[in-house]
Amino acid sequence: DVVPAVYPYADPEALRGTETVLLVEDNPSLRTLTCEFLQKLG
């Protein structure tokens, strides 16, 4: 029953995207941080 681990996005470039994300987070500091991180990914 052992299931090997799968990492479909091993290439860092594969983690980037151009989609639109609606981020809803009630902690303002964490919301700002998450927003900045995802914007860096495109």
PDB file of all heavy atoms in Angstrom:
ATOM      1  N   ASP A   1       0.807  -1.221   0.000  1.00  0.00           N
ATOM      2  CA  ASP A   1       0.000   0.000   0.000  1.00  0.00           C
ATOM      3  C   ASP A   1       0.839   1.269   0.000  1.00  0.00           C
ATOM      4  O   ASP A   1       0.301   2.374   0.003  1.00  0.00           O
ATOM      5  CB  ASP A   1      -0.920   0.032   1.228  1.00  0.00           C
ATOM      6  CG  ASP A   1      -1.988  -1.053   1.160  1.00  0.00           C
ATOM      7  OD1 ASP A   1      -2.342  -1.443   0.035  1.00  0.00           O
ATOM      8  OD2 ASP A   1      -2.450  -1.500   2.225  1.00  0.00           O
ATOM      9  N   VAL A   2       2.164   1.137   0.048  1.00  0.00           N
ATOM     10  CA  VAL A   2       3.026   2.315   0.079  1.00  0.00           C
ATOM     11  C   VAL A   2       2.825   3.137  -1.188  1.00  0.00           C
ATOM     12  O   VAL A   2       2.869   2.613  -2.301  1.00  0.00           O
ATOM     13  CB  VAL A   2       4.513   1.902   0.206  1.00  0.00           C
ATOM     14  CG1 VAL A   2       5.403   3.134   0.085  1.00  0.00           C
ATOM     15  CG2 VAL A   2       4.749   1.203   1.528  1.00  0.00           C
ATOM     16  N   VAL A   3       2.582   4.437  -1.001  1.00  0.00           N
ATOM     17  CA  VAL A   3       2.404   5.356  -2.126  1.00  0.00           C
ATOM     18  C   VAL A   3       3.589   6.318  -2.153  1.00  0.00           C
ATOM     19  O   VAL A   3       3.788   7.075  -1.204  1.00  0.00           O
ATOM     20  CB  VAL A   3       1.090   6.157  -1.994  1.00  0.00           C
ATOM     21  CG1 VAL A   3       0.948   7.134  -3.151  1.00  0.00           C
ATOM     22  CG2 VAL A   3      -0.096   5.203  -1.933  1.00  0.00           C
ATOM     23  N   PRO A   4       4.408   6.291  -3.207  1.00  0.00           N
ATOM     24  CA  PRO A   4       5.569   7.188  -3.248  1.00  0.00           C
ATOM     25  C   PRO A   4       5.142   8.649  -3.318  1.00  0.00           C
ATOM     26  O   PRO A   4       4.100   8.977  -3.895  1.00  0.00           O
ATOM     27  CB  PRO A   4       6.304   6.758  -4.530  1.00  0.00           C
ATOM     28  CG  PRO A   4       5.250   6.126  -5.380  1.00  0.00           C
ATOM     29  CD  PRO A   4       4.285   5.476  -4.433  1.00  0.00           C
ATOM     30  N   ALA A   5       5.948   9.511  -2.720  1.00  0.00           N
ATOM     31  CA  ALA A   5       5.661  10.946  -2.766  1.00  0.00           C
ATOM     32  C   ALA A   5       5.873  11.480  -4.180  1.00  0.00           C
ATOM     33  O   ALA A   5       6.781  11.060  -4.890  1.00  0.00           O
ATOM     34  CB  ALA A   5       6.561  11.690  -1.791  1.00  0.00           C
ATOM     35  N   VAL A   6       5.011  12.381  -4.597  1.00  0.00           N
ATOM     36  CA  VAL A   6       5.084  12.968  -5.929  1.00  0.00           C
ATOM     37  C   VAL A   6       5.184  14.481  -5.796  1.00  0.00           C
ATOM     38  O   VAL A   6       4.410  15.102  -5.061  1.00  0.00           O
ATOM     39  CB  VAL A   6       3.837  12.600  -6.763  1.00  0.00           C
ATOM     40  CG1 VAL A   6       3.910  13.263  -8.141  1.00  0.00           C
ATOM     41  CG2 VAL A   6       3.718  11.088  -6.906  1.00  0.00           C
ATOM     42  N   TYR A   7       6.158  15.069  -6.485  1.00  0.00           N
ATOM     43  CA  TYR A   7       6.339  16.516  -6.466  1.00  0.00           C
ATOM     44  C   TYR A   7       6.231  17.033  -7.898  1.00  0.00           C
ATOM     45  O   TYR A   7       7.218  17.101  -8.624  1.00  0.00           O
ATOM     46  CB  TYR A   7       7.693  16.890  -5.858  1.00  0.00           C
ATOM     47  CG  TYR A   7       7.859  16.357  -4.457  1.00  0.00           C
ATOM     48  CD1 TYR A   7       8.533  15.156  -4.223  1.00  0.00           C
ATOM     49  CD2 TYR A   7       7.329  17.041  -3.375  1.00  0.00           C
ATOM     50  CE1 TYR A   7       8.671  14.659  -2.930  1.00  0.00           C
ATOM     51  CE2 TYR A   7       7.467  16.555  -2.084  1.00  0.00           C
ATOM     52  CZ  TYR A   7       8.134  15.369  -1.871  1.00  0.00           C
ATOM     53  OH  TYR A   7       8.275  14.871  -0.603  1.00  0.00           O
ATOM     54  N   PRO A   8       5.009  17.409  -8.338  1.00  0.00           N
ATOM     55  CA  PRO A   8       4.806  17.763  -9.743  1.00  0.00           C
ATOM     56  C   PRO A   8       5.429  19.088 -10.142  1.00  0.00           C
ATOM     57  O   PRO A   8       5.545  19.380 -11.312  1.00  0.00           O
ATOM     58  CB  PRO A   8       3.273  17.834  -9.855  1.00  0.00           C
ATOM     59  CG  PRO A   8       2.809  18.155  -8.460  1.00  0.00           C
ATOM     60  CD  PRO A   8       3.789  17.475  -7.547  1.00  0.00           C
ATOM     61  N   TYR A   9       5.815  19.925  -9.173  1.00  0.00           N
ATOM     62  CA  TYR A   9       6.333  21.251  -9.514  1.00  0.00           C
ATOM     63  C   TYR A   9       7.740  21.426  -8.964  1.00  0.00           C
ATOM     64  O   TYR A   9       8.034  22.406  -8.269  1.00  0.00           O
ATOM     65  CB  TYR A   9       5.399  22.329  -8.965  1.00  0.00           C
ATOM     66  CG  TYR A   9       3.978  22.197  -9.458  1.00  0.00           C
ATOM     67  CD1 TYR A   9       2.982  21.699  -8.632  1.00  0.00           C
ATOM     68  CD2 TYR A   9       3.638  22.544 -10.762  1.00  0.00           C
ATOM     69  CE1 TYR A   9       1.678  21.562  -9.086  1.00  0.00           C
ATOM     70  CE2 TYR A   9       2.349  22.408 -11.225  1.00  0.00           C
ATOM     71  CZ  TYR A   9       1.364  21.917 -10.385  1.00  0.00           C
ATOM     72  OH  TYR A   9       0.079  21.780 -10.835  1.00  0.00           O
ATOM     73  N   ALA A  10       8.628  20.473  -9.256  1.00  0.00           N
ATOM     74  CA  ALA A  10       9.999  20.545  -8.763  1.00  0.00           C
ATOM     75  C   ALA A  10      10.746  21.741  -9.366  1.00  0.00           C
ATOM     76  O   ALA A  10      11.612  22.332  -8.730  1.00  0.00           O
ATOM     77  CB  ALA A  10      10.747  19.248  -9.088  1.00  0.00           C
ATOM     78  N   ASP A  11      10.408  22.132 -10.600  1.00  0.00           N
ATOM     79  CA  ASP A  11      11.033  23.286 -11.248  1.00  0.00           C
ATOM     80  C   ASP A  11      10.422  24.565 -10.678  1.00  0.00           C
ATOM     81  O   ASP A  11       9.204  24.768 -10.761  1.00  0.00           O
ATOM     82  CB  ASP A  11      10.783  23.206 -12.756  1.00  0.00           C
ATOM     83  CG  ASP A  11      11.420  24.374 -13.501  1.00  0.00           C
ATOM     84  OD1 ASP A  11      12.092  25.206 -12.848  1.00  0.00           O
ATOM     85  OD2 ASP A  11      11.222  24.460 -14.728  1.00  0.00           O
ATOM     86  N   PRO A  12      11.234  25.463 -10.087  1.00  0.00           N
ATOM     87  CA  PRO A  12      10.682  26.699  -9.504  1.00  0.00           C
ATOM     88  C   PRO A  12       9.863  27.517 -10.493  1.00  0.00           C
ATOM     89  O   PRO A  12       8.885  28.160 -10.104  1.00  0.00           O
ATOM     90  CB  PRO A  12      11.947  27.457  -9.062  1.00  0.00           C
ATOM     91  CG  PRO A  12      12.975  26.397  -8.835  1.00  0.00           C
ATOM     92  CD  PRO A  12      12.687  25.340  -9.857  1.00  0.00           C
ATOM     93  N   GLU A  13      10.240  27.485 -11.774  1.00  0.00           N
ATOM     94  CA  GLU A  13       9.503  28.255 -12.772  1.00  0.00           C
ATOM     95  C   GLU A  13       8.080  27.734 -12.940  1.00  0.00           C
ATOM     96  O   GLU A  13       7.170  28.476 -13.321  1.00  0.00           O
ATOM     97  CB  GLU A  13      10.241  28.232 -14.118  1.00  0.00           C
ATOM     98  CG  GLU A  13      11.462  29.121 -14.159  1.00  0.00           C
ATOM     99  CD  GLU A  13      11.104  30.583 -13.891  1.00  0.00           C
ATOM    100  OE1 GLU A  13      10.174  31.106 -14.536  1.00  0.00           O
ATOM    101  OE2 GLU A  13      11.754  31.196 -13.025  1.00  0.00           O
ATOM    102  N   ALA A  14       7.891  26.437 -12.632  1.00  0.00           N
ATOM    103  CA  ALA A  14       6.556  25.842 -12.768  1.00  0.00           C
ATOM    104  C   ALA A  14       5.601  26.347 -11.695  1.00  0.00           C
ATOM    105  O   ALA A  14       4.388  26.146 -11.790  1.00  0.00           O
ATOM    106  CB  ALA A  14       6.646  24.314 -12.703  1.00  0.00           C
ATOM    107  N   LEU A  15       6.132  27.005 -10.669  1.00  0.00           N
ATOM    108  CA  LEU A  15       5.300  27.528  -9.593  1.00  0.00           C
ATOM    109  C   LEU A  15       4.733  28.905  -9.921  1.00  0.00           C
ATOM    110  O   LEU A  15       3.878  29.406  -9.199  1.00  0.00           O
ATOM    111  CB  LEU A  15       6.100  27.611  -8.290  1.00  0.00           C
ATOM    112  CG  LEU A  15       6.583  26.287  -7.707  1.00  0.00           C
ATOM    113  CD1 LEU A  15       7.436  26.538  -6.477  1.00  0.00           C
ATOM    114  CD2 LEU A  15       5.406  25.391  -7.365  1.00  0.00           C
ATOM    115  N   ARG A  16       5.208  29.521 -10.972  1.00  0.00           N
ATOM    116  CA  ARG A  16       4.750  30.855 -11.327  1.00  0.00           C
ATOM    117  C   ARG A  16       3.400  30.779 -12.035  1.00  0.00           C
ATOM    118  O   ARG A  16       3.011  29.730 -12.560  1.00  0.00           O
ATOM    119  CB  ARG A  16       5.776  31.560 -12.219  1.00  0.00           C
ATOM    120  CG  ARG A  16       7.151  31.692 -11.572  1.00  0.00           C
ATOM    121  CD  ARG A  16       8.111  32.472 -12.450  1.00  0.00           C
ATOM    122  NE  ARG A  16       7.625  33.844 -12.665  1.00  0.00           N
ATOM    123  CZ  ARG A  16       7.807  34.839 -11.798  1.00  0.00           C
ATOM    124  NH1 ARG A  16       8.456  34.619 -10.672  1.00  0.00           N
ATOM    125  NH2 ARG A  16       7.348  36.040 -12.058  1.00  0.00           N
ATOM    126  N   GLY A  17       2.674  31.901 -12.024  1.00  0.00           N
ATOM    127  CA  GLY A  17       1.383  31.920 -12.690  1.00  0.00           C
ATOM    128  C   GLY A  17       0.950  33.329 -13.010  1.00  0.00           C
ATOM    129  O   GLY A  17       1.501  34.306 -12.498  1.00  0.00           O
ATOM    130  N   THR A  18      -0.055  33.435 -13.874  1.00  0.00           N
ATOM    131  CA  THR A  18      -0.582  34.750 -14.270  1.00  0.00           C
ATOM    132  C   THR A  18      -2.058  34.884 -13.911  1.00  0.00           C
ATOM    133  O   THR A  18      -2.690  35.890 -14.262  1.00  0.00           O
ATOM    134  CB  THR A  18      -0.413  34.941 -15.796  1.00  0.00           C
ATOM    135  OG1 THR A  18      -1.092  33.868 -16.481  1.00  0.00           O
ATOM    136  CG2 THR A  18       1.057  34.936 -16.187  1.00  0.00           C
ATOM    137  N   GLU A  19      -2.599  33.906 -13.190  1.00  0.00           N
ATOM    138  CA  GLU A  19      -4.013  33.934 -12.858  1.00  0.00           C
ATOM    139  C   GLU A  19      -4.329  35.003 -11.806  1.00  0.00           C
ATOM    140  O   GLU A  19      -3.430  35.573 -11.184  1.00  0.00           O
ATOM    141  CB  GLU A  19      -4.469  32.570 -12.335  1.00  0.00           C
ATOM    142  CG  GLU A  19      -4.449  31.462 -13.374  1.00  0.00           C
ATOM    143  CD  GLU A  19      -3.124  30.708 -13.428  1.00  0.00           C
ATOM    144  OE1 GLU A  19      -2.117  31.255 -12.907  1.00  0.00           O
ATOM    145  OE2 GLU A  19      -3.095  29.596 -13.968  1.00  0.00           O
ATOM    146  N   THR A  20      -5.621  35.243 -11.630  1.00  0.00           N
ATOM    147  CA  THR A  20      -6.091  36.203 -10.626  1.00  0.00           C
ATOM    148  C   THR A  20      -6.575  35.443  -9.386  1.00  0.00           C
ATOM    149  O   THR A  20      -7.377  34.514  -9.488  1.00  0.00           O
ATOM    150  CB  THR A  20      -7.237  37.067 -11.184  1.00  0.00           C
ATOM    151  OG1 THR A  20      -6.748  37.820 -12.300  1.00  0.00           O
ATOM    152  CG2 THR A  20      -7.766  38.028 -10.123  1.00  0.00           C
ATOM    153  N   VAL A  21      -6.061  35.857  -8.230  1.00  0.00           N
ATOM    154  CA  VAL A  21      -6.369  35.202  -6.964  1.00  0.00           C
ATOM    155  C   VAL A  21      -7.042  36.205  -6.028  1.00  0.00           C
ATOM    156  O   VAL A  21      -6.529  37.319  -5.830  1.00  0.00           O
ATOM    157  CB  VAL A  21      -5.095  34.656  -6.290  1.00  0.00           C
ATOM    158  CG1 VAL A  21      -5.428  34.019  -4.940  1.00  0.00           C
ATOM    159  CG2 VAL A  21      -4.395  33.637  -7.205  1.00  0.00           C
ATOM    160  N   LEU A  22      -8.187  35.827  -5.473  1.00  0.00           N
ATOM    161  CA  LEU A  22      -8.839  36.627  -4.435  1.00  0.00           C
ATOM    162  C   LEU A  22      -8.380  36.093  -3.088  1.00  0.00           C
ATOM    163  O   LEU A  22      -8.680  34.959  -2.714  1.00  0.00           O
ATOM    164  CB  LEU A  22     -10.357  36.527  -4.559  1.00  0.00           C
ATOM    165  CG  LEU A  22     -11.171  37.160  -3.412  1.00  0.00           C
ATOM    166  CD1 LEU A  22     -10.843  38.640  -3.255  1.00  0.00           C
ATOM    167  CD2 LEU A  22     -12.668  36.963  -3.643  1.00  0.00           C
ATOM    168  N   LEU A  23      -7.622  36.917  -2.358  1.00  0.00           N
ATOM    169  CA  LEU A  23      -7.057  36.533  -1.072  1.00  0.00           C
ATOM    170  C   LEU A  23      -7.901  37.128   0.051  1.00  0.00           C
ATOM    171  O   LEU A  23      -8.044  38.355   0.153  1.00  0.00           O
ATOM    172  CB  LEU A  23      -5.614  37.040  -0.976  1.00  0.00           C
ATOM    173  CG  LEU A  23      -4.929  36.921   0.386  1.00  0.00           C
ATOM    174  CD1 LEU A  23      -4.775  35.459   0.790  1.00  0.00           C
ATOM    175  CD2 LEU A  23      -3.570  37.611   0.353  1.00  0.00           C
ATOM    176  N   VAL A  24      -8.451  36.245   0.917  1.00  0.00           N
ATOM    177  CA  VAL A  24      -9.280  36.696   2.034  1.00  0.00           C
ATOM    178  C   VAL A  24      -8.631  36.204   3.327  1.00  0.00           C
ATOM    179  O   VAL A  24      -8.573  35.001   3.579  1.00  0.00           O
ATOM    180  CB  VAL A  24     -10.721  36.160   1.925  1.00  0.00           C
ATOM    181  CG1 VAL A  24     -11.595  36.786   3.013  1.00  0.00           C
ATOM    182  CG2 VAL A  24     -11.294  36.443   0.544  1.00  0.00           C
ATOM    183  N   GLU A  25      -8.131  37.141   4.117  1.00  0.00           N
ATOM    184  CA  GLU A  25      -7.413  36.830   5.361  1.00  0.00           C
ATOM    185  C   GLU A  25      -7.667  37.958   6.354  1.00  0.00           C
ATOM    186  O   GLU A  25      -7.424  39.123   6.041  1.00  0.00           O
ATOM    187  CB  GLU A  25      -5.918  36.674   5.072  1.00  0.00           C
ATOM    188  CG  GLU A  25      -5.011  36.630   6.278  1.00  0.00           C
ATOM    189  CD  GLU A  25      -5.295  35.476   7.208  1.00  0.00           C
ATOM    190  OE1 GLU A  25      -5.196  34.325   6.758  1.00  0.00           O
ATOM    191  OE2 GLU A  25      -5.642  35.741   8.376  1.00  0.00           O
ATOM    192  N   ASP A  26      -8.152  37.608   7.554  1.00  0.00           N
ATOM    193  CA  ASP A  26      -8.507  38.655   8.518  1.00  0.00           C
ATOM    194  C   ASP A  26      -7.305  39.198   9.274  1.00  0.00           C
ATOM    195  O   ASP A  26      -7.412  40.232   9.935  1.00  0.00           O
ATOM    196  CB  ASP A  26      -9.573  38.146   9.496  1.00  0.00           C
ATOM    197  CG  ASP A  26      -9.105  36.957  10.314  1.00  0.00           C
ATOM    198  OD1 ASP A  26      -8.457  36.058   9.741  1.00  0.00           O
ATOM    199  OD2 ASP A  26      -9.384  36.922  11.517  1.00  0.00           O
ATOM    200  N   ASN A  27      -6.151  38.515   9.205  1.00  0.00           N
ATOM    201  CA  ASN A  27      -4.940  39.041   9.828  1.00  0.00           C
ATOM    202  C   ASN A  27      -4.241  39.958   8.826  1.00  0.00           C
ATOM    203  O   ASN A  27      -3.728  39.485   7.798  1.00  0.00           O
ATOM    204  CB  ASN A  27      -4.019  37.883  10.233  1.00  0.00           C
ATOM    205  CG  ASN A  27      -2.774  38.355  10.964  1.00  0.00           C
ATOM    206  OD1 ASN A  27      -1.984  39.112  10.418  1.00  0.00           O
ATOM    207  ND2 ASN A  27      -2.597  37.905  12.190  1.00  0.00           N
ATOM    208  N   PRO A  28      -4.211  41.275   9.063  1.00  0.00           N
ATOM    209  CA  PRO A  28      -3.689  42.206   8.044  1.00  0.00           C
ATOM    210  C   PRO A  28      -2.222  41.995   7.702  1.00  0.00           C
ATOM    211  O   PRO A  28      -1.831  42.116   6.535  1.00  0.00           O
ATOM    212  CB  PRO A  28      -3.921  43.595   8.669  1.00  0.00           C
ATOM    213  CG  PRO A  28      -4.096  43.346  10.140  1.00  0.00           C
ATOM    214  CD  PRO A  28      -4.695  41.983  10.263  1.00  0.00           C
ATOM    215  N   SER A  29      -1.391  41.661   8.696  1.00  0.00           N
ATOM    216  CA  SER A  29       0.038  41.455   8.421  1.00  0.00           C
ATOM    217  C   SER A  29       0.246  40.224   7.553  1.00  0.00           C
ATOM    218  O   SER A  29       1.031  40.235   6.600  1.00  0.00           O
ATOM    219  CB  SER A  29       0.810  41.321   9.737  1.00  0.00           C
ATOM    220  OG  SER A  29       0.706  42.487  10.506  1.00  0.00           O
ATOM    221  N   LEU A  30      -0.454  39.147   7.875  1.00  0.00           N
ATOM    222  CA  LEU A  30      -0.322  37.923   7.087  1.00  0.00           C
ATOM    223  C   LEU A  30      -0.905  38.117   5.689  1.00  0.00           C
ATOM    224  O   LEU A  30      -0.374  37.594   4.707  1.00  0.00           O
ATOM    225  CB  LEU A  30      -1.022  36.764   7.809  1.00  0.00           C
ATOM    226  CG  LEU A  30      -0.937  35.393   7.137  1.00  0.00           C
ATOM    227  CD1 LEU A  30       0.513  35.003   6.868  1.00  0.00           C
ATOM    228  CD2 LEU A  30      -1.625  34.339   8.005  1.00  0.00           C
ATOM    229  N   ARG A  31      -1.978  38.889   5.588  1.00  0.00           N
ATOM    230  CA  ARG A  31      -2.567  39.158   4.272  1.00  0.00           C
ATOM    231  C   ARG A  31      -1.587  39.922   3.394  1.00  0.00           C
ATOM    232  O   ARG A  31      -1.404  39.597   2.216  1.00  0.00           O
ATOM    233  CB  ARG A  31      -3.872  39.950   4.440  1.00  0.00           C
ATOM    234  CG  ARG A  31      -4.620  40.162   3.120  1.00  0.00           C
ATOM    235  CD  ARG A  31      -5.992  40.775   3.338  1.00  0.00           C
ATOM    236  NE  ARG A  31      -5.928  42.142   3.845  1.00  0.00           N
ATOM    237  CZ  ARG A  31      -6.254  42.501   5.082  1.00  0.00           C
ATOM    238  NH1 ARG A  31      -6.669  41.598   5.955  1.00  0.00           N
ATOM    239  NH2 ARG A  31      -6.168  43.775   5.449  1.00  0.00           N
ATOM    240  N   THR A  32      -0.934  40.933   3.952  1.00  0.00           N
ATOM    241  CA  THR A  32       0.047  41.713   3.192  1.00  0.00           C
ATOM    242  C   THR A  32       1.211  40.839   2.734  1.00  0.00           C
ATOM    243  O   THR A  32       1.668  40.917   1.587  1.00  0.00           O
ATOM    244  CB  THR A  32       0.578  42.876   4.056  1.00  0.00           C
ATOM    245  OG1 THR A  32      -0.512  43.734   4.397  1.00  0.00           O
ATOM    246  CG2 THR A  32       1.636  43.678   3.304  1.00  0.00           C
ATOM    247  N   LEU A  33       1.705  39.994   3.643  1.00  0.00           N
ATOM    248  CA  LEU A  33       2.821  39.117   3.317  1.00  0.00           C
ATOM    249  C   LEU A  33       2.456  38.140   2.213  1.00  0.00           C
ATOM    250  O   LEU A  33       3.200  37.953   1.241  1.00  0.00           O
ATOM    251  CB  LEU A  33       3.255  38.355   4.571  1.00  0.00           C
ATOM    252  CG  LEU A  33       4.263  37.219   4.385  1.00  0.00           C
ATOM    253  CD1 LEU A  33       5.562  37.753   3.806  1.00  0.00           C
ATOM    254  CD2 LEU A  33       4.505  36.513   5.712  1.00  0.00           C
ATOM    255  N   THR A  34       1.298  37.488   2.338  1.00  0.00           N
ATOM    256  CA  THR A  34       0.862  36.508   1.334  1.00  0.00           C
ATOM    257  C   THR A  34       0.658  37.173  -0.015  1.00  0.00           C
ATOM    258  O   THR A  34       1.027  36.626  -1.065  1.00  0.00           O
ATOM    259  CB  THR A  34      -0.441  35.825   1.788  1.00  0.00           C
ATOM    260  OG1 THR A  34      -0.263  35.282   3.098  1.00  0.00           O
ATOM    261  CG2 THR A  34      -0.828  34.703   0.826  1.00  0.00           C
ATOM    262  N   CYS A  35       0.088  38.365   0.003  1.00  0.00           N
ATOM    263  CA  CYS A  35      -0.113  39.120  -1.232  1.00  0.00           C
ATOM    264  C   CYS A  35       1.223  39.395  -1.924  1.00  0.00           C
ATOM    265  O   CYS A  35       1.369  39.173  -3.128  1.00  0.00           O
ATOM    266  CB  CYS A  35      -0.832  40.429  -0.913  1.00  0.00           C
ATOM    267  SG  CYS A  35      -1.073  41.504  -2.334  1.00  0.00           S
ATOM    268  N   GLU A  36       2.208  39.858  -1.167  1.00  0.00           N
ATOM    269  CA  GLU A  36       3.520  40.171  -1.739  1.00  0.00           C
ATOM    270  C   GLU A  36       4.174  38.922  -2.325  1.00  0.00           C
ATOM    271  O   GLU A  36       4.754  38.945  -3.415  1.00  0.00           O
ATOM    272  CB  GLU A  36       4.423  40.782  -0.671  1.00  0.00           C
ATOM    273  CG  GLU A  36       5.805  41.175  -1.190  1.00  0.00           C
ATOM    274  CD  GLU A  36       6.657  41.845  -0.121  1.00  0.00           C
ATOM    275  OE1 GLU A  36       6.123  42.129   0.970  1.00  0.00           O
ATOM    276  OE2 GLU A  36       7.850  42.061  -0.382  1.00  0.00           O
ATOM    277  N   PHE A  37       4.070  37.789  -1.607  1.00  0.00           N
ATOM    278  CA  PHE A  37       4.684  36.549  -2.077  1.00  0.00           C
ATOM    279  C   PHE A  37       4.061  36.087  -3.390  1.00  0.00           C
ATOM    280  O   PHE A  37       4.775  35.739  -4.340  1.00  0.00           O
ATOM    281  CB  PHE A  37       4.524  35.465  -1.004  1.00  0.00           C
ATOM    282  CG  PHE A  37       5.098  34.138  -1.411  1.00  0.00           C
ATOM    283  CD1 PHE A  37       6.465  33.895  -1.345  1.00  0.00           C
ATOM    284  CD2 PHE A  37       4.271  33.127  -1.874  1.00  0.00           C
ATOM    285  CE1 PHE A  37       6.990  32.668  -1.734  1.00  0.00           C
ATOM    286  CE2 PHE A  37       4.786  31.900  -2.260  1.00  0.00           C
ATOM    287  CZ  PHE A  37       6.154  31.674  -2.184  1.00  0.00           C
ATOM    288  N   LEU A  38       2.736  36.094  -3.464  1.00  0.00           N
ATOM    289  CA  LEU A  38       2.061  35.611  -4.675  1.00  0.00           C
ATOM    290  C   LEU A  38       2.278  36.566  -5.846  1.00  0.00           C
ATOM    291  O   LEU A  38       2.373  36.135  -7.000  1.00  0.00           O
ATOM    292  CB  LEU A  38       0.570  35.416  -4.402  1.00  0.00           C
ATOM    293  CG  LEU A  38       0.227  34.270  -3.428  1.00  0.00           C
ATOM    294  CD1 LEU A  38      -1.270  34.236  -3.141  1.00  0.00           C
ATOM    295  CD2 LEU A  38       0.694  32.919  -3.982  1.00  0.00           C
ATOM    296  N   GLN A  39       2.358  37.849  -5.571  1.00  0.00           N
ATOM    297  CA  GLN A  39       2.639  38.813  -6.652  1.00  0.00           C
ATOM    298  C   GLN A  39       4.031  38.581  -7.232  1.00  0.00           C
ATOM    299  O   GLN A  39       4.227  38.725  -8.438  1.00  0.00           O
ATOM    300  CB  GLN A  39       2.509  40.238  -6.115  1.00  0.00           C
ATOM    301  CG  GLN A  39       1.065  40.682  -5.918  1.00  0.00           C
ATOM    302  CD  GLN A  39       0.956  42.047  -5.274  1.00  0.00           C
ATOM    303  OE1 GLN A  39       1.846  42.477  -4.542  1.00  0.00           O
ATOM    304  NE2 GLN A  39      -0.145  42.738  -5.526  1.00  0.00           N
ATOM    305  N   LYS A  40       5.001  38.211  -6.383  1.00  0.00           N
ATOM    306  CA  LYS A  40       6.345  37.909  -6.875  1.00  0.00           C
ATOM    307  C   LYS A  40       6.331  36.714  -7.831  1.00  0.00           C
ATOM    308  O   LYS A  40       7.216  36.575  -8.684  1.00  0.00           O
ATOM    309  CB  LYS A  40       7.293  37.634  -5.712  1.00  0.00           C
ATOM    310  CG  LYS A  40       7.803  38.886  -5.014  1.00  0.00           C
ATOM    311  CD  LYS A  40       8.757  38.537  -3.895  1.00  0.00           C
ATOM    312  CE  LYS A  40       9.390  39.788  -3.302  1.00  0.00           C
ATOM    313  NZ  LYS A  40      10.344  40.430  -4.222  1.00  0.00           N
ATOM    314  N   LEU A  41       5.343  35.835  -7.675  1.00  0.00           N
ATOM    315  CA  LEU A  41       5.217  34.672  -8.553  1.00  0.00           C
ATOM    316  C   LEU A  41       4.450  35.003  -9.829  1.00  0.00           C
ATOM    317  O   LEU A  41       4.289  34.133 -10.690  1.00  0.00           O
ATOM    318  CB  LEU A  41       4.520  33.519  -7.818  1.00  0.00           C
ATOM    319  CG  LEU A  41       5.312  32.878  -6.676  1.00  0.00           C
ATOM    320  CD1 LEU A  41       4.472  31.812  -5.971  1.00  0.00           C
ATOM    321  CD2 LEU A  41       6.612  32.250  -7.192  1.00  0.00           C
ATOM    322  N   GLY A  42       3.944  36.226  -9.944  1.00  0.00           N
ATOM    323  CA  GLY A  42       3.280  36.642 -11.171  1.00  0.00           C
ATOM    324  C   GLY A  42       1.777  36.720 -11.108  1.00  0.00           C
ATOM    325  O   GLY A  42       1.121  37.107 -12.093  1.00  0.00           O
TER     326      GLY A  42
END
